[in-house]
Amino acid sequence: MKISDLSALVDQRYHMLKSAAKTALPNSKDPSLRPSDVLVAMARSDLSARQRKRKIFSESEMFGEPAFEILLHAYIAEAERSSVSTTDICSSASVPISIGARYISILEQQSLLRRHPSMTDFRITNVSITHLGIMKINEFYLSHLEHEEFF
Protein backbone atom coordinates (compact mmCIF):
# COMPACT_ATOMS: atom_id res chain seq x y z
CA MET A 1 0.00 0.00 0.00
CA LYS A 2 1.34 3.43 -0.96
CA ILE A 3 1.69 6.28 1.52
CA SER A 4 -0.85 8.34 -0.46
CA ASP A 5 -3.37 5.48 -0.20
CA LEU A 6 -2.75 5.23 3.54
CA SER A 7 -3.16 8.98 3.94
CA ALA A 8 -6.46 8.91 2.05
CA LEU A 9 -7.67 6.03 4.23
CA VAL A 10 -6.77 7.91 7.43
CA ASP A 11 -8.53 11.04 6.16
CA GLN A 12 -11.62 9.06 5.22
CA ARG A 13 -11.77 7.36 8.64
CA TYR A 14 -11.21 10.65 10.43
CA HIS A 15 -14.08 12.38 8.60
CA MET A 16 -16.33 9.38 9.17
CA LEU A 17 -15.63 9.41 12.93
CA LYS A 18 -16.03 13.17 13.15
CA SER A 19 -19.38 13.03 11.35
CA ALA A 20 -20.57 10.15 13.54
CA ALA A 21 -19.51 11.97 16.69
CA LYS A 22 -21.55 15.04 15.78
CA THR A 23 -24.70 12.98 15.29
CA ALA A 24 -24.10 10.64 18.24
CA LEU A 25 -23.40 13.39 20.75
CA PRO A 26 -26.21 15.93 20.90
CA ASN A 27 -24.26 18.33 23.12
CA SER A 28 -20.49 17.82 23.12
CA LYS A 29 -20.09 20.30 25.99
CA ASP A 30 -22.04 17.97 28.30
CA PRO A 31 -20.46 14.48 28.16
CA SER A 32 -22.92 11.79 29.21
CA LEU A 33 -22.51 9.48 32.15
CA ARG A 34 -21.75 6.55 29.84
CA PRO A 35 -19.10 6.43 27.13
CA SER A 36 -20.57 6.94 23.67
CA ASP A 37 -19.93 4.40 20.91
CA VAL A 38 -17.93 6.92 18.88
CA LEU A 39 -15.66 7.89 21.77
CA VAL A 40 -15.17 4.23 22.70
CA ALA A 41 -14.19 3.53 19.08
CA MET A 42 -11.63 6.34 19.34
CA ALA A 43 -10.31 4.89 22.62
CA ARG A 44 -10.01 1.42 21.06
CA SER A 45 -8.21 2.88 18.04
CA ASP A 46 -5.85 4.75 20.36
CA LEU A 47 -5.09 1.62 22.39
CA SER A 48 -4.53 -0.41 19.24
CA ALA A 49 -2.08 2.20 17.93
CA ARG A 50 -0.25 2.21 21.27
CA GLN A 51 0.02 -1.59 21.22
CA ARG A 52 1.38 -1.55 17.64
CA LYS A 53 3.89 1.13 18.65
CA ARG A 54 5.01 -0.99 21.62
CA LYS A 55 5.36 -4.04 19.37
CA ILE A 56 7.43 -2.18 16.77
CA PHE A 57 9.69 -0.28 19.17
CA SER A 58 9.67 -3.00 21.87
CA GLU A 59 10.72 -0.51 24.55
CA SER A 60 7.42 0.12 26.32
CA GLU A 61 9.06 2.26 29.02
CA MET A 62 10.39 4.65 26.42
CA PHE A 63 7.18 5.08 24.44
CA GLY A 64 4.44 4.12 26.88
CA GLU A 65 1.96 5.92 29.07
CA PRO A 66 0.79 3.12 31.37
CA ALA A 67 -1.48 5.26 33.55
CA PHE A 68 -3.42 6.51 30.53
CA GLU A 69 -3.61 3.01 29.04
CA ILE A 70 -4.97 1.66 32.33
CA LEU A 71 -7.59 4.41 32.31
CA LEU A 72 -8.51 3.63 28.67
CA HIS A 73 -8.92 -0.08 29.44
CA ALA A 74 -11.25 0.76 32.34
CA TYR A 75 -13.18 3.15 30.07
CA ILE A 76 -13.68 0.49 27.41
CA ALA A 77 -14.64 -2.11 30.03
CA GLU A 78 -17.29 0.30 31.34
CA ALA A 79 -18.67 0.77 27.83
CA GLU A 80 -18.82 -3.01 27.40
CA ARG A 81 -20.36 -3.35 30.88
CA SER A 82 -17.66 -5.83 31.81
CA SER A 83 -15.43 -6.05 34.83
CA VAL A 84 -11.66 -6.00 34.66
CA SER A 85 -9.28 -7.29 37.32
CA THR A 86 -6.15 -5.51 38.47
CA THR A 87 -4.08 -8.32 36.94
CA ASP A 88 -5.85 -8.10 33.57
CA ILE A 89 -5.65 -4.32 33.36
CA CYS A 90 -1.91 -4.37 34.16
CA SER A 91 -1.31 -7.11 31.60
CA SER A 92 -3.25 -5.17 28.95
CA ALA A 93 -1.16 -2.08 29.65
CA SER A 94 2.03 -4.21 29.52
CA VAL A 95 3.21 -3.26 32.99
CA PRO A 96 4.14 -5.51 35.91
CA ILE A 97 1.42 -5.77 38.56
CA SER A 98 3.56 -3.91 41.13
CA ILE A 99 3.97 -0.89 38.84
CA GLY A 100 0.39 -1.09 37.58
CA ALA A 101 -0.88 -1.12 41.17
CA ARG A 102 1.02 2.13 41.80
CA TYR A 103 -0.57 3.73 38.73
CA ILE A 104 -3.99 2.46 39.79
CA SER A 105 -3.44 3.97 43.26
CA ILE A 106 -2.54 7.34 41.73
CA LEU A 107 -5.59 7.23 39.44
CA GLU A 108 -7.70 6.25 42.45
CA GLN A 109 -6.35 9.21 44.46
CA GLN A 110 -7.36 11.47 41.57
CA SER A 111 -10.87 9.92 41.68
CA LEU A 112 -10.53 8.57 38.13
CA LEU A 113 -10.62 4.86 39.06
CA ARG A 114 -11.89 2.79 41.95
CA ARG A 115 -11.01 -0.67 43.17
CA HIS A 116 -13.59 -3.12 44.47
CA PRO A 117 -13.76 -6.84 45.23
CA SER A 118 -14.91 -9.21 42.52
CA MET A 119 -18.48 -10.42 42.90
CA THR A 120 -17.46 -13.94 41.84
CA ASP A 121 -14.05 -14.48 43.47
CA PHE A 122 -13.04 -12.82 46.75
CA ARG A 123 -9.34 -13.16 45.85
CA ILE A 124 -9.71 -10.84 42.85
CA THR A 125 -9.81 -7.07 42.96
CA ASN A 126 -11.56 -5.37 40.05
CA VAL A 127 -10.92 -1.88 38.74
CA SER A 128 -13.59 0.43 37.31
CA ILE A 129 -13.61 3.92 35.97
CA THR A 130 -15.45 6.58 37.95
CA HIS A 131 -17.94 9.12 36.64
CA LEU A 132 -15.15 11.73 36.73
CA GLY A 133 -12.87 9.38 34.77
CA ILE A 134 -15.53 8.90 32.09
CA MET A 135 -16.05 12.65 31.84
CA LYS A 136 -12.30 13.28 31.50
CA ILE A 137 -11.85 10.65 28.77
CA ASN A 138 -14.93 11.96 26.94
CA GLU A 139 -13.54 15.49 27.18
CA PHE A 140 -10.15 14.30 25.89
CA TYR A 141 -11.57 12.65 22.76
CA LEU A 142 -14.12 15.39 22.15
CA SER A 143 -11.31 17.95 22.22
CA HIS A 144 -9.59 15.98 19.43
CA LEU A 145 -12.74 16.18 17.35
CA GLU A 146 -13.29 19.86 18.10
CA HIS A 147 -9.74 20.70 17.07
CA GLU A 148 -9.89 18.33 14.09
CA GLU A 149 -7.14 16.15 15.48
CA PHE A 150 -7.07 12.41 15.28
CA PHE A 151 -4.15 10.18 16.12
C-alpha atoms as a PDB file:
ATOM      1  CA  MET A   1       0.000   0.000   0.000  1.00  0.00           C
ATOM      2  CA  LYS A   2       1.343   3.426  -0.962  1.00  0.00           C
ATOM      3  CA  ILE A   3       1.687   6.277   1.524  1.00  0.00           C
ATOM      4  CA  SER A   4      -0.848   8.340  -0.460  1.00  0.00           C
ATOM      5  CA  ASP A   5      -3.372   5.475  -0.197  1.00  0.00           C
ATOM      6  CA  LEU A   6      -2.746   5.226   3.535  1.00  0.00           C
ATOM      7  CA  SER A   7      -3.155   8.981   3.939  1.00  0.00           C
ATOM      8  CA  ALA A   8      -6.455   8.913   2.046  1.00  0.00           C
ATOM      9  CA  LEU A   9      -7.674   6.033   4.228  1.00  0.00           C
ATOM     10  CA  VAL A  10      -6.775   7.910   7.427  1.00  0.00           C
ATOM     11  CA  ASP A  11      -8.527  11.045   6.158  1.00  0.00           C
ATOM     12  CA  GLN A  12     -11.618   9.056   5.224  1.00  0.00           C
ATOM     13  CA  ARG A  13     -11.770   7.358   8.643  1.00  0.00           C
ATOM     14  CA  TYR A  14     -11.211  10.651  10.433  1.00  0.00           C
ATOM     15  CA  HIS A  15     -14.085  12.381   8.604  1.00  0.00           C
ATOM     16  CA  MET A  16     -16.332   9.376   9.168  1.00  0.00           C
ATOM     17  CA  LEU A  17     -15.630   9.412  12.930  1.00  0.00           C
ATOM     18  CA  LYS A  18     -16.028  13.174  13.148  1.00  0.00           C
ATOM     19  CA  SER A  19     -19.376  13.027  11.349  1.00  0.00           C
ATOM     20  CA  ALA A  20     -20.567  10.148  13.535  1.00  0.00           C
ATOM     21  CA  ALA A  21     -19.513  11.970  16.693  1.00  0.00           C
ATOM     22  CA  LYS A  22     -21.551  15.042  15.781  1.00  0.00           C
ATOM     23  CA  THR A  23     -24.696  12.981  15.286  1.00  0.00           C
ATOM     24  CA  ALA A  24     -24.096  10.638  18.243  1.00  0.00           C
ATOM     25  CA  LEU A  25     -23.398  13.385  20.746  1.00  0.00           C
ATOM     26  CA  PRO A  26     -26.215  15.932  20.895  1.00  0.00           C
ATOM     27  CA  ASN A  27     -24.259  18.329  23.121  1.00  0.00           C
ATOM     28  CA  SER A  28     -20.493  17.817  23.115  1.00  0.00           C
ATOM     29  CA  LYS A  29     -20.086  20.301  25.995  1.00  0.00           C
ATOM     30  CA  ASP A  30     -22.038  17.968  28.296  1.00  0.00           C
ATOM     31  CA  PRO A  31     -20.464  14.475  28.157  1.00  0.00           C
ATOM     32  CA  SER A  32     -22.922  11.794  29.207  1.00  0.00           C
ATOM     33  CA  LEU A  33     -22.511   9.477  32.148  1.00  0.00           C
ATOM     34  CA  ARG A  34     -21.754   6.554  29.839  1.00  0.00           C
ATOM     35  CA  PRO A  35     -19.104   6.432  27.135  1.00  0.00           C
ATOM     36  CA  SER A  36     -20.574   6.940  23.670  1.00  0.00           C
ATOM     37  CA  ASP A  37     -19.932   4.404  20.909  1.00  0.00           C
ATOM     38  CA  VAL A  38     -17.930   6.920  18.880  1.00  0.00           C
ATOM     39  CA  LEU A  39     -15.660   7.887  21.767  1.00  0.00           C
ATOM     40  CA  VAL A  40     -15.166   4.229  22.699  1.00  0.00           C
ATOM     41  CA  ALA A  41     -14.192   3.529  19.080  1.00  0.00           C
ATOM     42  CA  MET A  42     -11.628   6.338  19.342  1.00  0.00           C
ATOM     43  CA  ALA A  43     -10.307   4.891  22.618  1.00  0.00           C
ATOM     44  CA  ARG A  44     -10.013   1.424  21.056  1.00  0.00           C
ATOM     45  CA  SER A  45      -8.208   2.878  18.037  1.00  0.00           C
ATOM     46  CA  ASP A  46      -5.853   4.754  20.359  1.00  0.00           C
ATOM     47  CA  LEU A  47      -5.089   1.620  22.389  1.00  0.00           C
ATOM     48  CA  SER A  48      -4.525  -0.410  19.236  1.00  0.00           C
ATOM     49  CA  ALA A  49      -2.077   2.199  17.927  1.00  0.00           C
ATOM     50  CA  ARG A  50      -0.246   2.205  21.270  1.00  0.00           C
ATOM     51  CA  GLN A  51       0.021  -1.591  21.220  1.00  0.00           C
ATOM     52  CA  ARG A  52       1.379  -1.553  17.643  1.00  0.00           C
ATOM     53  CA  LYS A  53       3.887   1.129  18.653  1.00  0.00           C
ATOM     54  CA  ARG A  54       5.006  -0.987  21.617  1.00  0.00           C
ATOM     55  CA  LYS A  55       5.362  -4.037  19.372  1.00  0.00           C
ATOM     56  CA  ILE A  56       7.432  -2.178  16.766  1.00  0.00           C
ATOM     57  CA  PHE A  57       9.694  -0.280  19.166  1.00  0.00           C
ATOM     58  CA  SER A  58       9.672  -2.998  21.868  1.00  0.00           C
ATOM     59  CA  GLU A  59      10.719  -0.510  24.548  1.00  0.00           C
ATOM     60  CA  SER A  60       7.423   0.119  26.316  1.00  0.00           C
ATOM     61  CA  GLU A  61       9.058   2.262  29.019  1.00  0.00           C
ATOM     62  CA  MET A  62      10.386   4.651  26.415  1.00  0.00           C
ATOM     63  CA  PHE A  63       7.177   5.078  24.437  1.00  0.00           C
ATOM     64  CA  GLY A  64       4.441   4.117  26.884  1.00  0.00           C
ATOM     65  CA  GLU A  65       1.963   5.924  29.072  1.00  0.00           C
ATOM     66  CA  PRO A  66       0.794   3.116  31.371  1.00  0.00           C
ATOM     67  CA  ALA A  67      -1.481   5.259  33.546  1.00  0.00           C
ATOM     68  CA  PHE A  68      -3.416   6.506  30.533  1.00  0.00           C
ATOM     69  CA  GLU A  69      -3.607   3.012  29.038  1.00  0.00           C
ATOM     70  CA  ILE A  70      -4.967   1.656  32.328  1.00  0.00           C
ATOM     71  CA  LEU A  71      -7.587   4.407  32.308  1.00  0.00           C
ATOM     72  CA  LEU A  72      -8.513   3.629  28.675  1.00  0.00           C
ATOM     73  CA  HIS A  73      -8.916  -0.079  29.439  1.00  0.00           C
ATOM     74  CA  ALA A  74     -11.248   0.765  32.339  1.00  0.00           C
ATOM     75  CA  TYR A  75     -13.180   3.155  30.068  1.00  0.00           C
ATOM     76  CA  ILE A  76     -13.680   0.487  27.405  1.00  0.00           C
ATOM     77  CA  ALA A  77     -14.638  -2.114  30.030  1.00  0.00           C
ATOM     78  CA  GLU A  78     -17.292   0.298  31.339  1.00  0.00           C
ATOM     79  CA  ALA A  79     -18.668   0.766  27.827  1.00  0.00           C
ATOM     80  CA  GLU A  80     -18.824  -3.012  27.401  1.00  0.00           C
ATOM     81  CA  ARG A  81     -20.364  -3.345  30.878  1.00  0.00           C
ATOM     82  CA  SER A  82     -17.663  -5.829  31.806  1.00  0.00           C
ATOM     83  CA  SER A  83     -15.435  -6.051  34.834  1.00  0.00           C
ATOM     84  CA  VAL A  84     -11.662  -6.005  34.661  1.00  0.00           C
ATOM     85  CA  SER A  85      -9.279  -7.286  37.317  1.00  0.00           C
ATOM     86  CA  THR A  86      -6.150  -5.510  38.472  1.00  0.00           C
ATOM     87  CA  THR A  87      -4.078  -8.318  36.936  1.00  0.00           C
ATOM     88  CA  ASP A  88      -5.854  -8.102  33.569  1.00  0.00           C
ATOM     89  CA  ILE A  89      -5.652  -4.321  33.358  1.00  0.00           C
ATOM     90  CA  CYS A  90      -1.913  -4.373  34.160  1.00  0.00           C
ATOM     91  CA  SER A  91      -1.313  -7.109  31.605  1.00  0.00           C
ATOM     92  CA  SER A  92      -3.253  -5.172  28.953  1.00  0.00           C
ATOM     93  CA  ALA A  93      -1.158  -2.078  29.653  1.00  0.00           C
ATOM     94  CA  SER A  94       2.027  -4.214  29.516  1.00  0.00           C
ATOM     95  CA  VAL A  95       3.208  -3.261  32.988  1.00  0.00           C
ATOM     96  CA  PRO A  96       4.139  -5.511  35.910  1.00  0.00           C
ATOM     97  CA  ILE A  97       1.423  -5.770  38.558  1.00  0.00           C
ATOM     98  CA  SER A  98       3.561  -3.908  41.131  1.00  0.00           C
ATOM     99  CA  ILE A  99       3.974  -0.894  38.838  1.00  0.00           C
ATOM    100  CA  GLY A 100       0.388  -1.093  37.583  1.00  0.00           C
ATOM    101  CA  ALA A 101      -0.877  -1.120  41.170  1.00  0.00           C
ATOM    102  CA  ARG A 102       1.020   2.132  41.802  1.00  0.00           C
ATOM    103  CA  TYR A 103      -0.566   3.731  38.733  1.00  0.00           C
ATOM    104  CA  ILE A 104      -3.988   2.463  39.794  1.00  0.00           C
ATOM    105  CA  SER A 105      -3.439   3.967  43.260  1.00  0.00           C
ATOM    106  CA  ILE A 106      -2.540   7.340  41.732  1.00  0.00           C
ATOM    107  CA  LEU A 107      -5.588   7.235  39.442  1.00  0.00           C
ATOM    108  CA  GLU A 108      -7.697   6.251  42.447  1.00  0.00           C
ATOM    109  CA  GLN A 109      -6.351   9.213  44.464  1.00  0.00           C
ATOM    110  CA  GLN A 110      -7.364  11.471  41.570  1.00  0.00           C
ATOM    111  CA  SER A 111     -10.871   9.916  41.684  1.00  0.00           C
ATOM    112  CA  LEU A 112     -10.534   8.569  38.126  1.00  0.00           C
ATOM    113  CA  LEU A 113     -10.623   4.857  39.055  1.00  0.00           C
ATOM    114  CA  ARG A 114     -11.894   2.795  41.948  1.00  0.00           C
ATOM    115  CA  ARG A 115     -11.015  -0.674  43.165  1.00  0.00           C
ATOM    116  CA  HIS A 116     -13.595  -3.115  44.466  1.00  0.00           C
ATOM    117  CA  PRO A 117     -13.760  -6.837  45.235  1.00  0.00           C
ATOM    118  CA  SER A 118     -14.912  -9.206  42.520  1.00  0.00           C
ATOM    119  CA  MET A 119     -18.480 -10.424  42.903  1.00  0.00           C
ATOM    120  CA  THR A 120     -17.460 -13.939  41.841  1.00  0.00           C
ATOM    121  CA  ASP A 121     -14.052 -14.480  43.473  1.00  0.00           C
ATOM    122  CA  PHE A 122     -13.041 -12.824  46.752  1.00  0.00           C
ATOM    123  CA  ARG A 123      -9.339 -13.157  45.849  1.00  0.00           C
ATOM    124  CA  ILE A 124      -9.710 -10.840  42.846  1.00  0.00           C
ATOM    125  CA  THR A 125      -9.808  -7.065  42.958  1.00  0.00           C
ATOM    126  CA  ASN A 126     -11.560  -5.371  40.055  1.00  0.00           C
ATOM    127  CA  VAL A 127     -10.923  -1.882  38.741  1.00  0.00           C
ATOM    128  CA  SER A 128     -13.588   0.426  37.312  1.00  0.00           C
ATOM    129  CA  ILE A 129     -13.610   3.920  35.970  1.00  0.00           C
ATOM    130  CA  THR A 130     -15.453   6.583  37.951  1.00  0.00           C
ATOM    131  CA  HIS A 131     -17.936   9.124  36.636  1.00  0.00           C
ATOM    132  CA  LEU A 132     -15.147  11.733  36.728  1.00  0.00           C
ATOM    133  CA  GLY A 133     -12.867   9.378  34.768  1.00  0.00           C
ATOM    134  CA  ILE A 134     -15.528   8.904  32.087  1.00  0.00           C
ATOM    135  CA  MET A 135     -16.053  12.650  31.836  1.00  0.00           C
ATOM    136  CA  LYS A 136     -12.300  13.281  31.500  1.00  0.00           C
ATOM    137  CA  ILE A 137     -11.846  10.647  28.765  1.00  0.00           C
ATOM    138  CA  ASN A 138     -14.934  11.958  26.940  1.00  0.00           C
ATOM    139  CA  GLU A 139     -13.542  15.488  27.183  1.00  0.00           C
ATOM    140  CA  PHE A 140     -10.152  14.301  25.892  1.00  0.00           C
ATOM    141  CA  TYR A 141     -11.568  12.646  22.757  1.00  0.00           C
ATOM    142  CA  LEU A 142     -14.124  15.395  22.154  1.00  0.00           C
ATOM    143  CA  SER A 143     -11.307  17.948  22.217  1.00  0.00           C
ATOM    144  CA  HIS A 144      -9.589  15.979  19.429  1.00  0.00           C
ATOM    145  CA  LEU A 145     -12.744  16.182  17.350  1.00  0.00           C
ATOM    146  CA  GLU A 146     -13.292  19.861  18.101  1.00  0.00           C
ATOM    147  CA  HIS A 147      -9.742  20.699  17.074  1.00  0.00           C
ATOM    148  CA  GLU A 148      -9.894  18.333  14.086  1.00  0.00           C
ATOM    149  CA  GLU A 149      -7.141  16.151  15.477  1.00  0.00           C
ATOM    150  CA  PHE A 150      -7.071  12.410  15.285  1.00  0.00           C
ATOM    151  CA  PHE A 151      -4.152  10.182  16.116  1.00  0.00           C
END
